[in-house]
Amino acid sequence: MENLKAISYELRRDVLDVIYRAGAGHIGGDFSVIDILVTLYYKHMNVSPETMNDPNRDRFVMSKGHSVEALYSVLAGRGFFPKSDLETFSQFKSKYIG
C-alpha cells in the first residue's frame, strides 16, 4: 500500500508538469482520480505493455475526459509508452493531443 502511495505522489508531479507545459488542464479532476488509476493499473488489472494483444486482458474505459493527464501519466509510468512523451503531451504537433 505504501508503494502505491509513493507512485501516486510521483505521478501527481508528472500531471502538474504536463499541465504546466501545455498551459491547460484540470488539476482537480486529475488529482481526484489518480489513486484509483494507480490502484487499478498497478495492482488489480490484468494488463501490461507485454500483454496488449492478449484477448483476455482487462480493458479500461474512462469517460472523465478532464482527467486524461492522469491516465496518460499512469500509462507512461507502467511503460505503455516512454515517459518522455509526456513532455509534449497536449501541445501542438504532439503524438498525444489530449
N, C-alpha and C. Protein backbone atom coordinates (compact mmCIF):
# COMPACT_ATOMS: atom_id res chain seq x y z
N MET A 1 0.82 -1.20 0.00
CA MET A 1 0.00 0.00 0.00
C MET A 1 0.87 1.26 0.00
N GLU A 2 1.91 1.26 0.79
CA GLU A 2 2.80 2.42 0.87
C GLU A 2 3.45 2.69 -0.48
N ASN A 3 3.79 1.63 -1.22
CA ASN A 3 4.39 1.78 -2.53
C ASN A 3 3.42 2.46 -3.50
N LEU A 4 2.13 2.11 -3.43
CA LEU A 4 1.14 2.73 -4.30
C LEU A 4 0.99 4.21 -3.98
N LYS A 5 1.10 4.57 -2.71
CA LYS A 5 1.03 5.98 -2.33
C LYS A 5 2.21 6.75 -2.92
N ALA A 6 3.39 6.15 -2.89
CA ALA A 6 4.57 6.80 -3.45
C ALA A 6 4.43 6.96 -4.97
N ILE A 7 3.89 5.96 -5.63
CA ILE A 7 3.66 6.03 -7.07
C ILE A 7 2.66 7.14 -7.38
N SER A 8 1.57 7.20 -6.63
CA SER A 8 0.56 8.24 -6.83
C SER A 8 1.17 9.63 -6.66
N TYR A 9 2.01 9.78 -5.66
CA TYR A 9 2.66 11.07 -5.42
C TYR A 9 3.54 11.47 -6.60
N GLU A 10 4.33 10.53 -7.09
CA GLU A 10 5.22 10.79 -8.22
C GLU A 10 4.40 11.15 -9.47
N LEU A 11 3.33 10.42 -9.70
CA LEU A 11 2.51 10.67 -10.88
C LEU A 11 1.76 11.99 -10.79
N ARG A 12 1.43 12.43 -9.59
CA ARG A 12 0.83 13.75 -9.42
C ARG A 12 1.81 14.84 -9.88
N ARG A 13 3.07 14.66 -9.57
CA ARG A 13 4.08 15.61 -10.04
C ARG A 13 4.15 15.61 -11.56
N ASP A 14 4.07 14.41 -12.15
CA ASP A 14 4.07 14.32 -13.61
C ASP A 14 2.87 15.05 -14.21
N VAL A 15 1.71 14.88 -13.59
CA VAL A 15 0.49 15.57 -14.05
C VAL A 15 0.69 17.08 -14.00
N LEU A 16 1.23 17.58 -12.89
CA LEU A 16 1.49 19.02 -12.79
C LEU A 16 2.43 19.51 -13.88
N ASP A 17 3.47 18.72 -14.16
CA ASP A 17 4.41 19.09 -15.22
C ASP A 17 3.72 19.13 -16.58
N VAL A 18 2.90 18.13 -16.86
CA VAL A 18 2.18 18.08 -18.14
C VAL A 18 1.28 19.30 -18.29
N ILE A 19 0.51 19.60 -17.25
CA ILE A 19 -0.42 20.72 -17.30
C ILE A 19 0.33 22.05 -17.42
N TYR A 20 1.42 22.18 -16.70
CA TYR A 20 2.21 23.41 -16.76
C TYR A 20 2.77 23.63 -18.17
N ARG A 21 3.38 22.57 -18.74
CA ARG A 21 3.98 22.70 -20.07
C ARG A 21 2.93 22.97 -21.14
N ALA A 22 1.76 22.34 -21.01
CA ALA A 22 0.70 22.52 -22.01
C ALA A 22 -0.03 23.85 -21.84
N GLY A 23 0.02 24.40 -20.63
CA GLY A 23 -0.69 25.64 -20.35
C GLY A 23 -2.18 25.44 -20.24
N ALA A 24 -2.59 24.20 -20.02
CA ALA A 24 -4.02 23.88 -19.90
C ALA A 24 -4.17 22.53 -19.21
N GLY A 25 -5.30 22.33 -18.59
CA GLY A 25 -5.58 21.06 -17.92
C GLY A 25 -6.47 21.27 -16.72
N HIS A 26 -6.81 20.17 -16.09
CA HIS A 26 -7.73 20.20 -14.95
C HIS A 26 -7.11 19.45 -13.78
N ILE A 27 -6.36 20.15 -12.98
CA ILE A 27 -5.62 19.54 -11.87
C ILE A 27 -6.56 18.81 -10.92
N GLY A 28 -7.67 19.42 -10.57
CA GLY A 28 -8.60 18.80 -9.62
C GLY A 28 -9.12 17.47 -10.12
N GLY A 29 -9.52 17.41 -11.36
CA GLY A 29 -10.01 16.16 -11.93
C GLY A 29 -8.94 15.09 -11.98
N ASP A 30 -7.74 15.49 -12.35
CA ASP A 30 -6.62 14.53 -12.41
C ASP A 30 -6.27 14.01 -11.02
N PHE A 31 -6.16 14.92 -10.07
CA PHE A 31 -5.78 14.51 -8.71
C PHE A 31 -6.87 13.65 -8.06
N SER A 32 -8.13 13.89 -8.42
CA SER A 32 -9.21 13.12 -7.78
C SER A 32 -9.26 11.68 -8.26
N VAL A 33 -8.66 11.39 -9.40
CA VAL A 33 -8.75 10.04 -9.95
C VAL A 33 -7.42 9.28 -9.92
N ILE A 34 -6.33 9.94 -9.59
CA ILE A 34 -5.01 9.31 -9.71
C ILE A 34 -4.85 8.09 -8.80
N ASP A 35 -5.34 8.14 -7.58
CA ASP A 35 -5.22 6.98 -6.68
C ASP A 35 -5.98 5.78 -7.22
N ILE A 36 -7.14 6.02 -7.79
CA ILE A 36 -7.93 4.94 -8.37
C ILE A 36 -7.19 4.32 -9.56
N LEU A 37 -6.67 5.17 -10.44
CA LEU A 37 -5.95 4.66 -11.60
C LEU A 37 -4.71 3.89 -11.21
N VAL A 38 -3.97 4.39 -10.24
CA VAL A 38 -2.77 3.68 -9.78
C VAL A 38 -3.14 2.33 -9.20
N THR A 39 -4.17 2.29 -8.38
CA THR A 39 -4.60 1.01 -7.79
C THR A 39 -5.02 0.02 -8.87
N LEU A 40 -5.77 0.49 -9.85
CA LEU A 40 -6.21 -0.39 -10.93
C LEU A 40 -5.04 -0.89 -11.77
N TYR A 41 -4.23 0.03 -12.26
CA TYR A 41 -3.17 -0.33 -13.20
C TYR A 41 -1.96 -1.00 -12.55
N TYR A 42 -1.72 -0.72 -11.29
CA TYR A 42 -0.54 -1.30 -10.63
C TYR A 42 -0.87 -2.52 -9.77
N LYS A 43 -2.15 -2.73 -9.45
CA LYS A 43 -2.47 -3.82 -8.52
C LYS A 43 -3.54 -4.78 -9.05
N HIS A 44 -4.59 -4.28 -9.66
CA HIS A 44 -5.74 -5.13 -9.94
C HIS A 44 -5.93 -5.55 -11.39
N MET A 45 -5.65 -4.69 -12.32
CA MET A 45 -5.96 -5.00 -13.71
C MET A 45 -4.96 -5.96 -14.33
N ASN A 46 -5.47 -6.83 -15.16
CA ASN A 46 -4.66 -7.77 -15.92
C ASN A 46 -4.32 -7.13 -17.26
N VAL A 47 -3.36 -6.20 -17.22
CA VAL A 47 -2.94 -5.51 -18.43
C VAL A 47 -1.52 -5.01 -18.23
N SER A 48 -0.74 -5.10 -19.29
CA SER A 48 0.65 -4.61 -19.27
C SER A 48 1.06 -4.37 -20.71
N PRO A 49 2.15 -3.65 -20.90
CA PRO A 49 2.62 -3.43 -22.28
C PRO A 49 2.90 -4.75 -23.01
N GLU A 50 3.30 -5.76 -22.27
CA GLU A 50 3.63 -7.06 -22.87
C GLU A 50 2.39 -7.85 -23.27
N THR A 51 1.25 -7.55 -22.68
CA THR A 51 0.04 -8.34 -22.94
C THR A 51 -1.04 -7.55 -23.70
N MET A 52 -0.64 -6.50 -24.40
CA MET A 52 -1.62 -5.66 -25.08
C MET A 52 -2.42 -6.41 -26.15
N ASN A 53 -1.87 -7.46 -26.71
CA ASN A 53 -2.58 -8.22 -27.74
C ASN A 53 -3.30 -9.44 -27.18
N ASP A 54 -3.22 -9.66 -25.90
CA ASP A 54 -3.90 -10.79 -25.26
C ASP A 54 -5.40 -10.51 -25.22
N PRO A 55 -6.21 -11.35 -25.85
CA PRO A 55 -7.66 -11.11 -25.84
C PRO A 55 -8.28 -11.22 -24.44
N ASN A 56 -7.58 -11.82 -23.51
CA ASN A 56 -8.09 -11.97 -22.14
C ASN A 56 -7.63 -10.87 -21.20
N ARG A 57 -6.95 -9.85 -21.73
CA ARG A 57 -6.50 -8.76 -20.86
C ARG A 57 -7.71 -7.93 -20.43
N ASP A 58 -7.53 -7.21 -19.35
CA ASP A 58 -8.57 -6.29 -18.90
C ASP A 58 -8.54 -5.05 -19.78
N ARG A 59 -9.68 -4.41 -19.86
CA ARG A 59 -9.80 -3.16 -20.60
C ARG A 59 -10.38 -2.10 -19.68
N PHE A 60 -9.93 -0.88 -19.88
CA PHE A 60 -10.39 0.22 -19.04
C PHE A 60 -10.95 1.31 -19.93
N VAL A 61 -12.14 1.78 -19.60
CA VAL A 61 -12.77 2.88 -20.32
C VAL A 61 -13.01 4.00 -19.31
N MET A 62 -12.49 5.17 -19.64
CA MET A 62 -12.68 6.32 -18.75
C MET A 62 -13.41 7.40 -19.53
N SER A 63 -14.57 7.78 -19.04
CA SER A 63 -15.34 8.82 -19.72
C SER A 63 -15.07 10.20 -19.12
N LYS A 64 -14.26 10.25 -18.10
CA LYS A 64 -13.94 11.52 -17.44
C LYS A 64 -12.78 12.17 -18.18
N GLY A 65 -13.09 12.83 -19.30
CA GLY A 65 -12.06 13.39 -20.17
C GLY A 65 -11.18 14.44 -19.52
N HIS A 66 -11.69 15.08 -18.47
CA HIS A 66 -10.89 16.10 -17.79
C HIS A 66 -9.75 15.49 -16.98
N SER A 67 -9.63 14.19 -17.00
CA SER A 67 -8.57 13.52 -16.24
C SER A 67 -7.60 12.77 -17.14
N VAL A 68 -7.55 13.14 -18.39
CA VAL A 68 -6.71 12.42 -19.32
C VAL A 68 -5.22 12.53 -18.97
N GLU A 69 -4.82 13.65 -18.38
CA GLU A 69 -3.41 13.79 -17.99
C GLU A 69 -3.03 12.74 -16.95
N ALA A 70 -3.96 12.45 -16.04
CA ALA A 70 -3.70 11.42 -15.03
C ALA A 70 -3.60 10.04 -15.67
N LEU A 71 -4.52 9.74 -16.57
CA LEU A 71 -4.49 8.43 -17.24
C LEU A 71 -3.20 8.26 -18.03
N TYR A 72 -2.81 9.26 -18.79
CA TYR A 72 -1.58 9.14 -19.58
C TYR A 72 -0.34 9.06 -18.69
N SER A 73 -0.35 9.74 -17.57
CA SER A 73 0.78 9.65 -16.64
C SER A 73 0.89 8.24 -16.08
N VAL A 74 -0.24 7.63 -15.75
CA VAL A 74 -0.23 6.25 -15.25
C VAL A 74 0.24 5.29 -16.35
N LEU A 75 -0.27 5.47 -17.56
CA LEU A 75 0.15 4.59 -18.66
C LEU A 75 1.65 4.71 -18.93
N ALA A 76 2.17 5.93 -18.89
CA ALA A 76 3.61 6.11 -19.07
C ALA A 76 4.38 5.48 -17.91
N GLY A 77 3.87 5.65 -16.70
CA GLY A 77 4.52 5.05 -15.53
C GLY A 77 4.58 3.53 -15.60
N ARG A 78 3.57 2.93 -16.23
CA ARG A 78 3.53 1.47 -16.37
C ARG A 78 4.31 0.98 -17.59
N GLY A 79 4.81 1.91 -18.41
CA GLY A 79 5.64 1.50 -19.53
C GLY A 79 4.90 1.31 -20.85
N PHE A 80 3.68 1.79 -20.96
CA PHE A 80 2.95 1.66 -22.22
C PHE A 80 3.53 2.55 -23.31
N PHE A 81 4.17 3.62 -22.92
CA PHE A 81 4.91 4.48 -23.84
C PHE A 81 5.95 5.21 -23.00
N PRO A 82 7.00 5.75 -23.63
CA PRO A 82 8.07 6.41 -22.86
C PRO A 82 7.56 7.61 -22.08
N LYS A 83 8.00 7.74 -20.86
CA LYS A 83 7.61 8.86 -20.01
C LYS A 83 8.01 10.19 -20.64
N SER A 84 9.04 10.18 -21.44
CA SER A 84 9.49 11.41 -22.09
C SER A 84 8.44 11.95 -23.07
N ASP A 85 7.53 11.10 -23.53
CA ASP A 85 6.45 11.56 -24.42
C ASP A 85 5.52 12.53 -23.70
N LEU A 86 5.48 12.48 -22.39
CA LEU A 86 4.62 13.39 -21.63
C LEU A 86 5.10 14.84 -21.74
N GLU A 87 6.34 15.04 -22.13
CA GLU A 87 6.90 16.39 -22.20
C GLU A 87 6.20 17.26 -23.24
N THR A 88 5.60 16.62 -24.25
CA THR A 88 4.89 17.39 -25.28
C THR A 88 3.40 17.08 -25.31
N PHE A 89 2.92 16.36 -24.34
CA PHE A 89 1.51 15.99 -24.31
C PHE A 89 0.61 17.22 -24.40
N SER A 90 -0.41 17.13 -25.21
CA SER A 90 -1.42 18.18 -25.37
C SER A 90 -0.85 19.50 -25.91
N GLN A 91 0.24 19.38 -26.65
CA GLN A 91 0.85 20.55 -27.28
C GLN A 91 0.84 20.36 -28.79
N PHE A 92 0.97 21.42 -29.52
CA PHE A 92 0.97 21.39 -30.97
C PHE A 92 2.01 20.40 -31.47
N LYS A 93 1.64 19.55 -32.40
CA LYS A 93 2.47 18.52 -33.00
C LYS A 93 2.84 17.40 -32.04
N SER A 94 2.12 17.26 -30.94
CA SER A 94 2.36 16.16 -30.02
C SER A 94 1.72 14.90 -30.57
N LYS A 95 2.27 13.75 -30.22
CA LYS A 95 1.64 12.48 -30.56
C LYS A 95 0.32 12.33 -29.80
N TYR A 96 0.24 12.97 -28.65
CA TYR A 96 -0.90 12.79 -27.75
C TYR A 96 -1.58 14.12 -27.54
N ILE A 97 -2.50 14.44 -28.39
CA ILE A 97 -3.29 15.67 -28.20
C ILE A 97 -4.45 15.27 -27.31
N GLY A 98 -4.45 15.78 -26.06
CA GLY A 98 -5.48 15.39 -25.09
C GLY A 98 -6.58 16.39 -24.97
